[in-house]
N, C-alpha and C. Protein backbone atom coordinates (compact mmCIF):
# COMPACT_ATOMS: atom_id res chain seq x y z
N MET A 1 -29.00 -9.25 -12.49
CA MET A 1 -27.92 -9.37 -12.10
C MET A 1 -26.96 -8.56 -13.34
N ALA A 2 -27.47 -8.92 -14.55
CA ALA A 2 -26.66 -8.60 -15.39
C ALA A 2 -26.68 -6.78 -15.40
N LEU A 3 -27.22 -6.45 -14.88
CA LEU A 3 -27.22 -4.71 -14.88
C LEU A 3 -26.80 -4.41 -13.63
N LEU A 4 -26.74 -5.03 -12.79
CA LEU A 4 -25.57 -4.59 -11.39
C LEU A 4 -24.24 -4.90 -12.00
N THR A 5 -24.10 -5.95 -12.59
CA THR A 5 -22.70 -6.49 -12.92
C THR A 5 -22.67 -4.73 -14.35
N ASN A 6 -23.04 -4.85 -14.80
CA ASN A 6 -22.82 -3.77 -16.19
C ASN A 6 -22.47 -2.21 -15.29
N LEU A 7 -23.66 -1.67 -14.83
CA LEU A 7 -23.24 -0.61 -13.47
C LEU A 7 -22.03 -0.59 -12.61
N LEU A 8 -21.75 -1.84 -12.03
CA LEU A 8 -20.39 -1.43 -11.60
C LEU A 8 -19.16 -1.73 -12.34
N ILE A 9 -19.23 -2.05 -13.60
CA ILE A 9 -18.32 -2.00 -14.99
C ILE A 9 -18.26 -0.61 -15.25
N GLY A 10 -19.22 -0.13 -15.41
CA GLY A 10 -19.34 1.27 -15.71
C GLY A 10 -19.06 2.10 -14.34
N LEU A 11 -18.89 1.91 -13.28
CA LEU A 11 -18.31 2.51 -12.29
C LEU A 11 -16.91 2.39 -12.28
N ILE A 12 -16.45 1.44 -12.05
CA ILE A 12 -15.05 1.31 -12.25
C ILE A 12 -14.24 1.81 -13.40
N ALA A 13 -14.69 1.86 -14.64
CA ALA A 13 -14.59 2.55 -16.27
C ALA A 13 -14.41 4.12 -15.42
N LEU A 14 -15.36 4.61 -14.96
CA LEU A 14 -15.13 6.43 -14.43
C LEU A 14 -14.42 6.35 -13.26
N LEU A 15 -14.31 5.47 -12.87
CA LEU A 15 -12.77 5.59 -11.80
C LEU A 15 -11.83 5.60 -12.13
N HIS A 16 -11.61 4.78 -13.12
CA HIS A 16 -10.44 5.50 -14.29
C HIS A 16 -10.08 6.48 -15.53
N ILE A 17 -10.85 6.92 -15.56
CA ILE A 17 -11.13 7.81 -16.05
C ILE A 17 -10.92 9.01 -14.92
N TYR A 18 -11.37 8.85 -13.89
CA TYR A 18 -10.68 10.16 -12.99
C TYR A 18 -9.55 9.87 -12.69
N PHE A 19 -9.09 9.00 -12.57
CA PHE A 19 -7.57 8.36 -12.39
C PHE A 19 -6.55 9.06 -13.69
N LEU A 20 -7.40 8.76 -14.84
CA LEU A 20 -6.60 9.75 -16.05
C LEU A 20 -6.39 10.78 -15.82
N VAL A 21 -7.78 11.80 -15.40
CA VAL A 21 -7.69 13.27 -15.06
C VAL A 21 -6.28 13.48 -14.09
N LEU A 22 -6.55 12.64 -13.15
CA LEU A 22 -5.52 13.57 -11.33
C LEU A 22 -4.09 12.75 -11.94
N GLU A 23 -3.77 12.11 -12.53
CA GLU A 23 -2.03 11.78 -13.29
C GLU A 23 -1.80 12.56 -14.36
N MET A 24 -2.82 13.23 -15.51
CA MET A 24 -2.37 13.40 -16.81
C MET A 24 -2.52 14.98 -16.26
N PHE A 25 -3.46 15.26 -15.85
CA PHE A 25 -3.91 16.90 -15.57
C PHE A 25 -3.76 17.61 -14.46
N LEU A 26 -3.82 16.68 -13.59
CA LEU A 26 -3.65 17.31 -11.60
C LEU A 26 -2.54 16.97 -10.98
N TRP A 27 -1.93 16.08 -11.45
CA TRP A 27 -0.93 15.62 -10.78
C TRP A 27 0.05 16.56 -9.88
N ASP A 28 0.48 18.19 -10.42
CA ASP A 28 1.39 18.87 -9.98
C ASP A 28 1.06 19.76 -9.48
N LYS A 29 -1.05 19.86 -9.35
CA LYS A 29 -1.90 20.50 -8.97
C LYS A 29 -1.97 20.66 -7.58
N PRO A 30 -2.59 21.44 -6.95
CA PRO A 30 -2.82 21.11 -5.32
C PRO A 30 -3.97 19.96 -5.02
N THR A 31 -4.46 19.28 -5.91
CA THR A 31 -5.89 18.66 -5.48
C THR A 31 -4.79 17.34 -6.06
N GLY A 32 -4.16 16.72 -7.10
CA GLY A 32 -3.16 15.84 -7.19
C GLY A 32 -2.46 15.93 -6.50
N ARG A 33 -1.70 16.54 -5.51
CA ARG A 33 -0.51 16.86 -4.54
C ARG A 33 -0.97 15.88 -3.52
N ARG A 34 -2.86 16.54 -3.34
CA ARG A 34 -3.33 16.02 -1.58
C ARG A 34 -3.60 15.09 -1.94
N VAL A 35 -4.28 14.44 -3.34
CA VAL A 35 -4.80 12.95 -3.04
C VAL A 35 -3.70 12.28 -3.13
N PHE A 36 -2.39 12.23 -3.72
CA PHE A 36 -1.10 11.26 -4.18
C PHE A 36 -0.41 11.39 -2.76
N LYS A 37 -0.55 12.56 -2.04
CA LYS A 37 0.60 13.12 -0.75
C LYS A 37 1.83 13.44 -1.06
N LEU A 38 2.04 14.29 -2.49
CA LEU A 38 3.17 14.36 -2.96
C LEU A 38 3.91 15.96 -2.90
N THR A 39 4.43 15.98 -2.40
CA THR A 39 5.72 17.42 -2.66
C THR A 39 5.53 17.95 -3.91
N PRO A 40 5.33 19.37 -3.80
CA PRO A 40 5.77 20.07 -4.83
C PRO A 40 6.77 19.33 -5.77
N GLU A 41 7.88 19.34 -5.34
CA GLU A 41 9.26 19.12 -6.14
C GLU A 41 8.98 17.68 -6.75
N PHE A 42 8.47 16.38 -5.46
CA PHE A 42 8.53 15.48 -6.86
C PHE A 42 7.33 15.50 -7.59
N ALA A 43 6.03 16.08 -7.80
CA ALA A 43 5.40 16.05 -8.50
C ALA A 43 5.87 16.79 -9.56
N THR A 44 6.63 17.83 -9.44
CA THR A 44 7.00 18.10 -10.70
C THR A 44 7.81 17.40 -11.48
N ALA A 45 8.96 16.60 -10.58
CA ALA A 45 9.66 15.45 -10.86
C ALA A 45 9.37 14.53 -11.93
N SER A 46 8.44 14.51 -11.40
CA SER A 46 7.68 12.82 -11.69
C SER A 46 6.01 12.94 -12.70
N LYS A 47 6.13 14.31 -13.04
CA LYS A 47 4.88 14.86 -14.04
C LYS A 47 5.16 13.70 -15.30
N ALA A 48 5.80 13.92 -15.93
CA ALA A 48 5.68 12.89 -16.98
C ALA A 48 5.76 11.43 -16.59
N LEU A 49 5.78 10.59 -16.26
CA LEU A 49 5.61 9.28 -15.54
C LEU A 49 4.01 9.50 -15.11
N ALA A 50 3.75 10.55 -14.33
CA ALA A 50 2.20 10.10 -13.71
C ALA A 50 1.66 10.43 -15.34
N ALA A 51 1.52 11.13 -16.12
CA ALA A 51 0.76 11.38 -17.21
C ALA A 51 0.90 9.98 -18.06
N ASN A 52 2.18 9.30 -18.48
CA ASN A 52 1.86 7.98 -18.39
C ASN A 52 1.19 6.77 -17.86
N GLN A 53 1.37 6.99 -17.06
CA GLN A 53 0.26 5.91 -16.05
C GLN A 53 -1.20 6.37 -16.09
N GLY A 54 -1.25 7.74 -16.42
CA GLY A 54 -2.76 7.86 -16.83
C GLY A 54 -3.30 7.70 -17.59
N LEU A 55 -2.44 7.73 -18.61
CA LEU A 55 -2.93 6.97 -19.94
C LEU A 55 -3.21 5.69 -20.25
N TYR A 56 -2.66 4.74 -19.22
CA TYR A 56 -2.86 3.74 -19.11
C TYR A 56 -4.03 3.52 -18.38
N ASN A 57 -4.42 4.25 -17.23
CA ASN A 57 -6.00 3.79 -16.76
C ASN A 57 -7.01 4.69 -18.03
N GLY A 58 -6.76 5.30 -18.89
CA GLY A 58 -7.76 5.57 -19.96
C GLY A 58 -7.76 4.54 -20.42
N PHE A 59 -6.93 3.83 -21.45
CA PHE A 59 -7.15 2.63 -21.73
C PHE A 59 -7.68 1.73 -21.15
N LEU A 60 -7.54 1.61 -20.04
CA LEU A 60 -8.42 0.66 -19.53
C LEU A 60 -9.82 0.91 -19.06
N ALA A 61 -10.02 2.49 -19.06
CA ALA A 61 -11.41 2.64 -18.92
C ALA A 61 -12.42 2.40 -20.28
N ALA A 62 -11.35 2.71 -21.41
CA ALA A 62 -11.54 2.81 -23.21
C ALA A 62 -12.29 1.10 -23.05
N GLY A 63 -11.38 0.42 -22.63
CA GLY A 63 -11.41 -1.48 -22.66
C GLY A 63 -12.78 -1.32 -21.97
N LEU A 64 -13.34 -1.20 -20.98
CA LEU A 64 -14.16 -1.68 -20.25
C LEU A 64 -15.49 -0.96 -20.86
N LEU A 65 -15.33 0.18 -21.50
CA LEU A 65 -16.63 1.11 -22.24
C LEU A 65 -17.19 0.35 -23.73
N TRP A 66 -15.89 -0.40 -23.93
CA TRP A 66 -16.02 -0.94 -25.46
C TRP A 66 -16.83 -2.10 -25.22
N GLY A 67 -16.40 -2.86 -24.01
CA GLY A 67 -17.34 -4.29 -23.79
C GLY A 67 -18.41 -4.05 -23.20
N LEU A 68 -18.49 -2.74 -22.59
CA LEU A 68 -20.36 -2.46 -22.05
C LEU A 68 -21.17 -2.12 -23.24
N SER A 69 -20.42 -1.32 -24.66
CA SER A 69 -21.11 -0.85 -25.77
C SER A 69 -21.98 -2.31 -26.45
N LEU A 70 -20.78 -3.34 -26.77
CA LEU A 70 -20.98 -4.38 -27.13
C LEU A 70 -22.30 -4.95 -26.66
N GLY A 71 -22.80 -5.02 -25.26
CA GLY A 71 -23.70 -5.52 -24.73
C GLY A 71 -23.16 -6.90 -24.52
N ILE A 72 -23.93 -8.01 -24.78
CA ILE A 72 -23.27 -9.48 -24.50
C ILE A 72 -22.51 -10.18 -25.49
N ASP A 73 -22.00 -10.05 -26.52
CA ASP A 73 -21.04 -9.60 -27.19
C ASP A 73 -19.80 -9.18 -26.48
N GLY A 74 -19.87 -8.28 -25.88
CA GLY A 74 -18.82 -7.87 -25.14
C GLY A 74 -18.13 -8.38 -23.79
N LEU A 75 -19.08 -9.65 -23.75
CA LEU A 75 -18.28 -10.52 -22.66
C LEU A 75 -16.31 -10.42 -22.34
N HIS A 76 -16.18 -11.21 -23.27
CA HIS A 76 -14.50 -11.77 -23.77
C HIS A 76 -14.23 -10.43 -23.23
N ILE A 77 -14.40 -8.83 -24.05
CA ILE A 77 -13.55 -7.76 -23.71
C ILE A 77 -13.45 -7.82 -22.38
N LYS A 78 -14.66 -7.71 -21.78
CA LYS A 78 -15.01 -6.91 -20.48
C LYS A 78 -14.46 -7.75 -18.96
N LEU A 79 -14.17 -9.28 -19.49
CA LEU A 79 -13.46 -10.26 -18.56
C LEU A 79 -11.84 -9.99 -18.82
N PHE A 80 -11.60 -9.48 -20.06
CA PHE A 80 -10.15 -9.32 -19.95
C PHE A 80 -9.53 -7.96 -19.67
N PHE A 81 -10.51 -7.05 -19.69
CA PHE A 81 -9.87 -5.51 -18.95
C PHE A 81 -10.26 -5.52 -17.49
N LEU A 82 -10.89 -5.76 -16.79
CA LEU A 82 -11.37 -6.30 -15.62
C LEU A 82 -9.82 -6.76 -15.20
N ALA A 83 -10.23 -7.94 -16.14
CA ALA A 83 -8.92 -9.02 -15.28
C ALA A 83 -7.55 -7.61 -14.87
N CYS A 84 -7.28 -6.95 -15.90
CA CYS A 84 -6.07 -6.22 -16.28
C CYS A 84 -6.15 -4.84 -14.96
N VAL A 85 -7.24 -4.75 -15.03
CA VAL A 85 -8.00 -3.60 -13.73
C VAL A 85 -7.55 -4.51 -12.74
N LEU A 86 -7.55 -5.75 -12.43
CA LEU A 86 -7.73 -6.42 -11.23
C LEU A 86 -6.11 -6.62 -10.78
N ILE A 87 -4.92 -6.75 -11.99
CA ILE A 87 -3.93 -7.37 -12.07
C ILE A 87 -3.10 -5.97 -11.65
N ALA A 88 -3.83 -4.92 -11.61
CA ALA A 88 -2.86 -3.80 -11.87
C ALA A 88 -3.15 -3.26 -10.35
N GLY A 89 -4.90 -3.68 -9.68
CA GLY A 89 -4.91 -3.14 -8.51
C GLY A 89 -3.60 -4.20 -7.23
N ILE A 90 -3.42 -5.24 -7.93
CA ILE A 90 -2.62 -6.07 -6.99
C ILE A 90 -1.45 -5.75 -6.67
N PHE A 91 -0.95 -5.26 -8.04
CA PHE A 91 0.51 -4.87 -8.63
C PHE A 91 0.43 -3.35 -7.80
N GLY A 92 -0.18 -2.51 -7.50
CA GLY A 92 0.13 -1.62 -6.95
C GLY A 92 -0.29 -1.49 -5.60
N ALA A 93 -0.91 -2.54 -5.08
CA ALA A 93 -0.83 -2.56 -3.39
C ALA A 93 0.34 -3.02 -3.13
N ILE A 94 1.35 -3.98 -4.05
CA ILE A 94 2.74 -4.70 -3.36
C ILE A 94 3.33 -3.73 -3.50
N THR A 95 3.56 -2.55 -4.49
CA THR A 95 4.58 -1.62 -4.36
C THR A 95 4.32 -0.39 -4.57
N VAL A 96 3.46 -0.07 -4.24
CA VAL A 96 3.04 1.31 -3.74
C VAL A 96 2.18 1.28 -2.43
N SER A 97 0.81 1.15 -2.28
CA SER A 97 0.14 1.11 -1.16
C SER A 97 -1.06 -0.11 -1.15
N ARG A 98 -1.14 -0.30 -0.35
CA ARG A 98 -2.64 -1.62 0.06
C ARG A 98 -3.59 -0.86 -0.04
N ARG A 99 -3.72 0.39 -0.12
CA ARG A 99 -5.30 1.06 -0.30
C ARG A 99 -5.63 0.88 -1.60
N ILE A 100 -5.01 0.89 -2.45
CA ILE A 100 -4.71 0.56 -4.34
C ILE A 100 -5.49 -0.41 -4.18
N LEU A 101 -5.27 -1.46 -3.74
CA LEU A 101 -5.97 -2.63 -3.99
C LEU A 101 -7.49 -3.07 -3.39
N TYR A 102 -7.79 -2.04 -2.36
CA TYR A 102 -9.44 -1.71 -1.88
C TYR A 102 -10.17 -0.97 -2.83
N ILE A 103 -9.41 0.15 -3.87
CA ILE A 103 -9.88 1.24 -4.43
C ILE A 103 -10.22 0.67 -6.03
N GLN A 104 -8.70 -0.39 -6.20
CA GLN A 104 -8.98 -0.69 -7.32
C GLN A 104 -9.29 -2.01 -8.05
N GLY A 105 -8.49 -2.85 -7.04
CA GLY A 105 -8.66 -4.38 -6.87
C GLY A 105 -9.85 -5.20 -6.75
N VAL A 106 -10.46 -4.72 -5.25
CA VAL A 106 -11.59 -5.45 -5.26
C VAL A 106 -12.48 -4.87 -6.14
N PRO A 107 -13.08 -3.92 -6.47
CA PRO A 107 -14.35 -3.40 -7.00
C PRO A 107 -13.91 -4.44 -8.90
N ALA A 108 -12.79 -4.47 -9.05
CA ALA A 108 -12.59 -5.15 -10.56
C ALA A 108 -12.62 -6.76 -10.13
N LEU A 109 -12.27 -7.22 -9.26
CA LEU A 109 -12.82 -8.90 -8.18
C LEU A 109 -13.90 -9.24 -8.36
N LEU A 110 -15.20 -7.94 -7.76
CA LEU A 110 -16.50 -8.20 -7.78
C LEU A 110 -17.24 -8.27 -9.31
N ALA A 111 -16.90 -7.32 -9.75
CA ALA A 111 -17.50 -7.06 -11.36
C ALA A 111 -17.12 -8.16 -12.19
N LEU A 112 -15.93 -9.00 -12.07
CA LEU A 112 -15.69 -10.22 -12.00
C LEU A 112 -16.44 -11.65 -12.11
N LEU A 113 -16.31 -11.43 -10.72
CA LEU A 113 -17.10 -13.05 -9.79
C LEU A 113 -18.61 -12.55 -10.45
N LEU A 114 -19.33 -11.06 -10.47
CA LEU A 114 -20.69 -11.00 -11.21
C LEU A 114 -20.96 -11.49 -12.79
N LEU A 115 -19.75 -10.89 -13.39
CA LEU A 115 -19.92 -11.33 -14.66
C LEU A 115 -19.69 -12.50 -15.11
N LEU A 116 -19.19 -13.25 -13.90
CA LEU A 116 -18.96 -15.19 -14.22
C LEU A 116 -20.23 -15.56 -13.77
N LEU A 117 -20.89 -14.92 -13.25
CA LEU A 117 -22.11 -15.64 -12.77
C LEU A 117 -23.76 -15.40 -13.26
N ALA A 118 -23.07 -14.21 -13.96
CA ALA A 118 -24.62 -13.47 -14.88
C ALA A 118 -25.06 -14.43 -16.10
């Protein structure tokens, strides 16, 4: 069970690294505009805000990877950063798109449950 939990946490960290890349480097490029359904004008105007958001996603990924690197001693770190991801997913679902809950929130909730049961 611990292996499955750590694999899921690793996947969530990789997802947040992907979000970092999309928001910091690809926001106003065709890939970023397509993923987020943005007009070129809006992408250009909001590029700095998206980069800031991407940086925060990078911090979430770093925290999860830090917790994983500590093994059993990283339990509280993993719990904290998974809770942050879950809260961000819920907030994103309320304020931006329900899709964020499924992409970000549900995996974090599942990982939290697995972590608490392991």
